[in-house]
Amino acid sequence: MQKGFKVLQDSISVSIDNLKFVAENTTGNNGLLLTSVIDTLQAQQKVVEYLSNCLDAEMSIKNRCFDFLCKKGLMNEFYSK
């Protein structure tokens, strides 16, 4: 799952870079529109980063739970239910 977030962030970054280049060479309303699209993509990039951090936190909680179950010898009970 983490790899998917990385690919998505990289894709958004490339799109932002490409749009910045086009926006610098575009004047008028189109340039302003491209700038607003860039701002929206940057906001989406922050959301993806936040979701990635949430996933990391949840995975660490899950791993700690499994470690606890293993140390207490309760994994057989966990899987038998």
Protein backbone atom coordinates (compact mmCIF):
# COMPACT_ATOMS: atom_id res chain seq x y z
CA MET A 1 0.00 0.00 0.00
CA GLN A 2 2.86 2.35 0.86
CA LYS A 3 4.25 1.86 -2.65
CA GLY A 4 0.93 3.01 -4.11
CA PHE A 5 1.08 6.24 -2.11
CA LYS A 6 4.65 6.81 -3.29
CA VAL A 7 3.67 6.32 -6.94
CA LEU A 8 0.71 8.67 -6.51
CA GLN A 9 2.86 11.36 -4.89
CA ASP A 10 5.48 11.05 -7.63
CA SER A 11 2.79 11.31 -10.30
CA ILE A 12 1.31 14.42 -8.72
CA SER A 13 4.79 15.96 -8.41
CA VAL A 14 5.49 15.39 -12.10
CA SER A 15 2.13 16.90 -13.02
CA ILE A 16 2.84 19.95 -10.85
CA ASP A 17 6.26 20.44 -12.43
CA ASN A 18 4.85 20.15 -15.95
CA LEU A 19 2.00 22.55 -15.22
CA LYS A 20 4.39 25.07 -13.63
CA PHE A 21 6.43 25.11 -16.81
CA VAL A 22 3.33 25.62 -18.95
CA ALA A 23 1.92 28.27 -16.59
CA GLU A 24 5.16 30.27 -16.74
CA ASN A 25 4.89 30.39 -20.52
CA THR A 26 1.16 31.17 -20.60
CA THR A 27 -0.38 34.58 -20.10
CA GLY A 28 -3.82 35.85 -19.23
CA ASN A 29 -6.67 33.81 -17.89
CA ASN A 30 -5.16 30.51 -18.95
CA GLY A 31 -2.08 31.16 -16.84
CA LEU A 32 -4.24 31.98 -13.84
CA LEU A 33 -6.31 28.86 -14.39
CA LEU A 34 -3.19 26.71 -14.55
CA THR A 35 -1.92 28.30 -11.35
CA SER A 36 -5.15 27.39 -9.56
CA VAL A 37 -4.87 23.82 -10.88
CA ILE A 38 -1.32 23.69 -9.51
CA ASP A 39 -2.58 24.87 -6.11
CA THR A 40 -5.26 22.17 -6.14
CA LEU A 41 -2.69 19.49 -6.99
CA GLN A 42 -0.43 20.68 -4.19
CA ALA A 43 -3.35 20.40 -1.77
CA GLN A 44 -4.05 16.88 -3.03
CA GLN A 45 -0.41 16.03 -2.54
CA LYS A 46 -0.70 17.09 1.12
CA VAL A 47 -3.79 14.88 1.52
CA VAL A 48 -1.93 11.89 0.07
CA GLU A 49 0.96 12.57 2.44
CA TYR A 50 -1.46 12.72 5.39
CA LEU A 51 -3.12 9.45 4.37
CA SER A 52 0.28 7.83 4.01
CA ASN A 53 1.17 8.92 7.55
CA CYS A 54 -2.16 7.57 8.85
CA LEU A 55 -1.42 4.24 7.18
CA ASP A 56 2.01 4.14 8.84
CA ALA A 57 0.43 4.77 12.24
CA GLU A 58 -2.20 2.06 11.76
CA MET A 59 0.38 -0.44 10.51
CA SER A 60 2.57 0.19 13.54
CA ILE A 61 -0.42 -0.38 15.87
CA LYS A 62 -1.24 -3.64 14.07
CA ASN A 63 2.37 -4.79 14.28
CA ARG A 64 2.55 -4.00 17.99
CA CYS A 65 -0.65 -6.00 18.56
CA PHE A 66 0.74 -9.00 16.69
CA ASP A 67 4.02 -8.73 18.61
CA PHE A 68 2.08 -8.73 21.89
CA LEU A 69 0.03 -11.75 20.84
CA CYS A 70 3.16 -13.64 19.77
CA LYS A 71 5.01 -12.86 23.00
CA LYS A 72 2.07 -14.07 25.08
CA GLY A 73 1.63 -17.20 22.97
CA LEU A 74 -1.89 -16.26 21.94
CA MET A 75 -1.52 -16.43 18.16
CA ASN A 76 -3.17 -19.88 17.97
CA GLU A 77 -6.23 -18.53 19.75
CA PHE A 78 -6.25 -15.50 17.48
CA TYR A 79 -6.23 -17.56 14.30
CA SER A 80 -8.61 -20.24 15.55
CA LYS A 81 -11.49 -17.75 15.90
